[in-house]
Amino acid sequence: MALTERSRSALYRGLSDLLDDEEAVGEMLSNFAARDVDEPASRDFVDARIANVEARVAEVRGEVAGLEQRLTTALHAEMRTMTQWTIGSMVAFVGVLVAFGLIR
């Protein structure tokens, strides 16, 4: 909703008395339309913006799904390597125990 010049001036004076920061008052008043020609967003504009956001969300979801697949593949490969090293180490340790005659 647009503010008339009279209302804007009254708000500015009142807020300036409450706050000692003219810049903050100006920033707050900048959130209100200065003239009646500054209309709120039309329904078509909002629908177009929502469509853009939905498209971007779908794009991000696709990127996340691809990343998830790559991470899963990498995790499986690392787990396979870790398992192989663990089993190999256990076999080697048993071999050392046998070599030293600690187990028969």
C-alpha atoms as a PDB file:
ATOM      1  CA  MET A   1       0.000   0.000   0.000  1.00  0.00           C
ATOM      2  CA  ALA A   2       1.357   3.403  -0.973  1.00  0.00           C
ATOM      3  CA  LEU A   3       1.854   6.104   1.621  1.00  0.00           C
ATOM      4  CA  THR A   4       0.812   9.649   0.929  1.00  0.00           C
ATOM      5  CA  GLU A   5       3.488  12.289   1.290  1.00  0.00           C
ATOM      6  CA  ARG A   6       1.715  13.571   4.393  1.00  0.00           C
ATOM      7  CA  SER A   7       1.689  10.112   6.026  1.00  0.00           C
ATOM      8  CA  ARG A   8       5.283   9.465   5.036  1.00  0.00           C
ATOM      9  CA  SER A   9       6.360  12.802   6.529  1.00  0.00           C
ATOM     10  CA  ALA A  10       4.448  12.160   9.762  1.00  0.00           C
ATOM     11  CA  LEU A  11       5.959   8.687  10.099  1.00  0.00           C
ATOM     12  CA  TYR A  12       9.426  10.032   9.387  1.00  0.00           C
ATOM     13  CA  ARG A  13       9.130  12.746  12.045  1.00  0.00           C
ATOM     14  CA  GLY A  14       7.650  10.362  14.629  1.00  0.00           C
ATOM     15  CA  LEU A  15      10.208   7.651  14.051  1.00  0.00           C
ATOM     16  CA  SER A  16      13.073  10.127  13.958  1.00  0.00           C
ATOM     17  CA  ASP A  17      12.011  11.292  17.430  1.00  0.00           C
ATOM     18  CA  LEU A  18      12.056   7.681  18.685  1.00  0.00           C
ATOM     19  CA  LEU A  19      15.236   6.605  16.924  1.00  0.00           C
ATOM     20  CA  ASP A  20      18.377   8.663  16.674  1.00  0.00           C
ATOM     21  CA  ASP A  21      19.308   7.020  13.384  1.00  0.00           C
ATOM     22  CA  GLU A  22      17.891   8.770  10.319  1.00  0.00           C
ATOM     23  CA  GLU A  23      19.343   6.098   8.027  1.00  0.00           C
ATOM     24  CA  ALA A  24      17.410   3.352   9.851  1.00  0.00           C
ATOM     25  CA  VAL A  25      14.182   5.364   9.587  1.00  0.00           C
ATOM     26  CA  GLY A  26      14.790   5.882   5.860  1.00  0.00           C
ATOM     27  CA  GLU A  27      15.448   2.185   5.340  1.00  0.00           C
ATOM     28  CA  MET A  28      12.252   1.271   7.133  1.00  0.00           C
ATOM     29  CA  LEU A  29      10.172   3.725   5.118  1.00  0.00           C
ATOM     30  CA  SER A  30      11.748   2.410   1.901  1.00  0.00           C
ATOM     31  CA  ASN A  31       9.722  -0.778   2.424  1.00  0.00           C
ATOM     32  CA  PHE A  32       6.543   1.179   1.703  1.00  0.00           C
ATOM     33  CA  ALA A  33       5.664   2.363  -1.780  1.00  0.00           C
ATOM     34  CA  ALA A  34       6.194   6.097  -2.156  1.00  0.00           C
ATOM     35  CA  ARG A  35       3.538   6.665  -4.818  1.00  0.00           C
ATOM     36  CA  ASP A  36       0.265   5.092  -5.807  1.00  0.00           C
ATOM     37  CA  VAL A  37       1.823   3.988  -9.119  1.00  0.00           C
ATOM     38  CA  ASP A  38       4.091   1.583  -7.198  1.00  0.00           C
ATOM     39  CA  GLU A  39       1.610  -1.267  -7.189  1.00  0.00           C
ATOM     40  CA  PRO A  40       1.992  -4.551  -5.391  1.00  0.00           C
ATOM     41  CA  ALA A  41       3.130  -7.511  -7.466  1.00  0.00           C
ATOM     42  CA  SER A  42       0.566  -8.860  -9.877  1.00  0.00           C
ATOM     43  CA  ARG A  43      -0.661 -12.433  -9.704  1.00  0.00           C
ATOM     44  CA  ASP A  44       1.083 -13.218 -13.011  1.00  0.00           C
ATOM     45  CA  PHE A  45       4.377 -11.886 -11.656  1.00  0.00           C
ATOM     46  CA  VAL A  46       4.068 -13.958  -8.481  1.00  0.00           C
ATOM     47  CA  ASP A  47       3.117 -17.063 -10.499  1.00  0.00           C
ATOM     48  CA  ALA A  48       6.150 -16.573 -12.746  1.00  0.00           C
ATOM     49  CA  ARG A  49       8.453 -16.184  -9.738  1.00  0.00           C
ATOM     50  CA  ILE A  50       7.001 -19.313  -8.129  1.00  0.00           C
ATOM     51  CA  ALA A  51       7.531 -21.238 -11.366  1.00  0.00           C
ATOM     52  CA  ASN A  52      11.167 -20.066 -11.422  1.00  0.00           C
ATOM     53  CA  VAL A  53      11.673 -21.170  -7.823  1.00  0.00           C
ATOM     54  CA  GLU A  54      10.051 -24.549  -8.495  1.00  0.00           C
ATOM     55  CA  ALA A  55      12.314 -25.065 -11.518  1.00  0.00           C
ATOM     56  CA  ARG A  56      15.385 -24.208  -9.460  1.00  0.00           C
ATOM     57  CA  VAL A  57      14.284 -26.566  -6.667  1.00  0.00           C
ATOM     58  CA  ALA A  58      13.880 -29.379  -9.211  1.00  0.00           C
ATOM     59  CA  GLU A  59      17.350 -28.610 -10.568  1.00  0.00           C
ATOM     60  CA  VAL A  60      18.878 -28.682  -7.086  1.00  0.00           C
ATOM     61  CA  ARG A  61      17.108 -31.965  -6.318  1.00  0.00           C
ATOM     62  CA  GLY A  62      18.632 -33.467  -9.446  1.00  0.00           C
ATOM     63  CA  GLU A  63      22.078 -32.262  -8.430  1.00  0.00           C
ATOM     64  CA  VAL A  64      21.640 -33.698  -4.939  1.00  0.00           C
ATOM     65  CA  ALA A  65      20.500 -37.057  -6.350  1.00  0.00           C
ATOM     66  CA  GLY A  66      23.591 -37.208  -8.580  1.00  0.00           C
ATOM     67  CA  LEU A  67      25.831 -36.298  -5.671  1.00  0.00           C
ATOM     68  CA  GLU A  68      24.176 -38.912  -3.488  1.00  0.00           C
ATOM     69  CA  GLN A  69      24.807 -41.577  -6.132  1.00  0.00           C
ATOM     70  CA  ARG A  70      28.484 -40.610  -6.466  1.00  0.00           C
ATOM     71  CA  LEU A  71      28.958 -40.583  -2.700  1.00  0.00           C
ATOM     72  CA  THR A  72      27.284 -43.983  -2.328  1.00  0.00           C
ATOM     73  CA  THR A  73      29.540 -45.460  -4.991  1.00  0.00           C
ATOM     74  CA  ALA A  74      32.634 -43.966  -3.363  1.00  0.00           C
ATOM     75  CA  LEU A  75      31.551 -45.165   0.080  1.00  0.00           C
ATOM     76  CA  HIS A  76      31.066 -48.723  -1.179  1.00  0.00           C
ATOM     77  CA  ALA A  77      34.503 -48.696  -2.791  1.00  0.00           C
ATOM     78  CA  GLU A  78      36.141 -47.427   0.411  1.00  0.00           C
ATOM     79  CA  MET A  79      34.302 -50.008   2.524  1.00  0.00           C
ATOM     80  CA  ARG A  80      35.421 -52.777   0.156  1.00  0.00           C
ATOM     81  CA  THR A  81      39.040 -51.606   0.422  1.00  0.00           C
ATOM     82  CA  MET A  82      38.812 -51.351   4.214  1.00  0.00           C
ATOM     83  CA  THR A  83      37.340 -54.857   4.460  1.00  0.00           C
ATOM     84  CA  GLN A  84      40.069 -56.281   2.240  1.00  0.00           C
ATOM     85  CA  TRP A  85      42.799 -54.652   4.346  1.00  0.00           C
ATOM     86  CA  THR A  86      41.172 -55.794   7.598  1.00  0.00           C
ATOM     87  CA  ILE A  87      40.907 -59.419   6.454  1.00  0.00           C
ATOM     88  CA  GLY A  88      44.426 -59.317   5.018  1.00  0.00           C
ATOM     89  CA  SER A  89      45.795 -57.914   8.288  1.00  0.00           C
ATOM     90  CA  MET A  90      43.998 -60.586  10.304  1.00  0.00           C
ATOM     91  CA  VAL A  91      45.393 -63.364   8.080  1.00  0.00           C
ATOM     92  CA  ALA A  92      48.895 -61.879   8.332  1.00  0.00           C
ATOM     93  CA  PHE A  93      48.607 -61.591  12.118  1.00  0.00           C
ATOM     94  CA  VAL A  94      47.532 -65.228  12.405  1.00  0.00           C
ATOM     95  CA  GLY A  95      50.470 -66.160  10.168  1.00  0.00           C
ATOM     96  CA  VAL A  96      52.867 -64.292  12.469  1.00  0.00           C
ATOM     97  CA  LEU A  97      51.413 -66.081  15.509  1.00  0.00           C
ATOM     98  CA  VAL A  98      51.829 -69.445  13.777  1.00  0.00           C
ATOM     99  CA  ALA A  99      55.394 -68.562  12.750  1.00  0.00           C
ATOM    100  CA  PHE A 100      56.335 -67.737  16.320  1.00  0.00           C
ATOM    101  CA  GLY A 101      54.640 -70.868  17.553  1.00  0.00           C
ATOM    102  CA  LEU A 102      52.090 -69.052  19.698  1.00  0.00           C
ATOM    103  CA  ILE A 103      49.206 -70.995  18.160  1.00  0.00           C
ATOM    104  CA  ARG A 104      49.114 -74.420  16.563  1.00  0.00           C
END
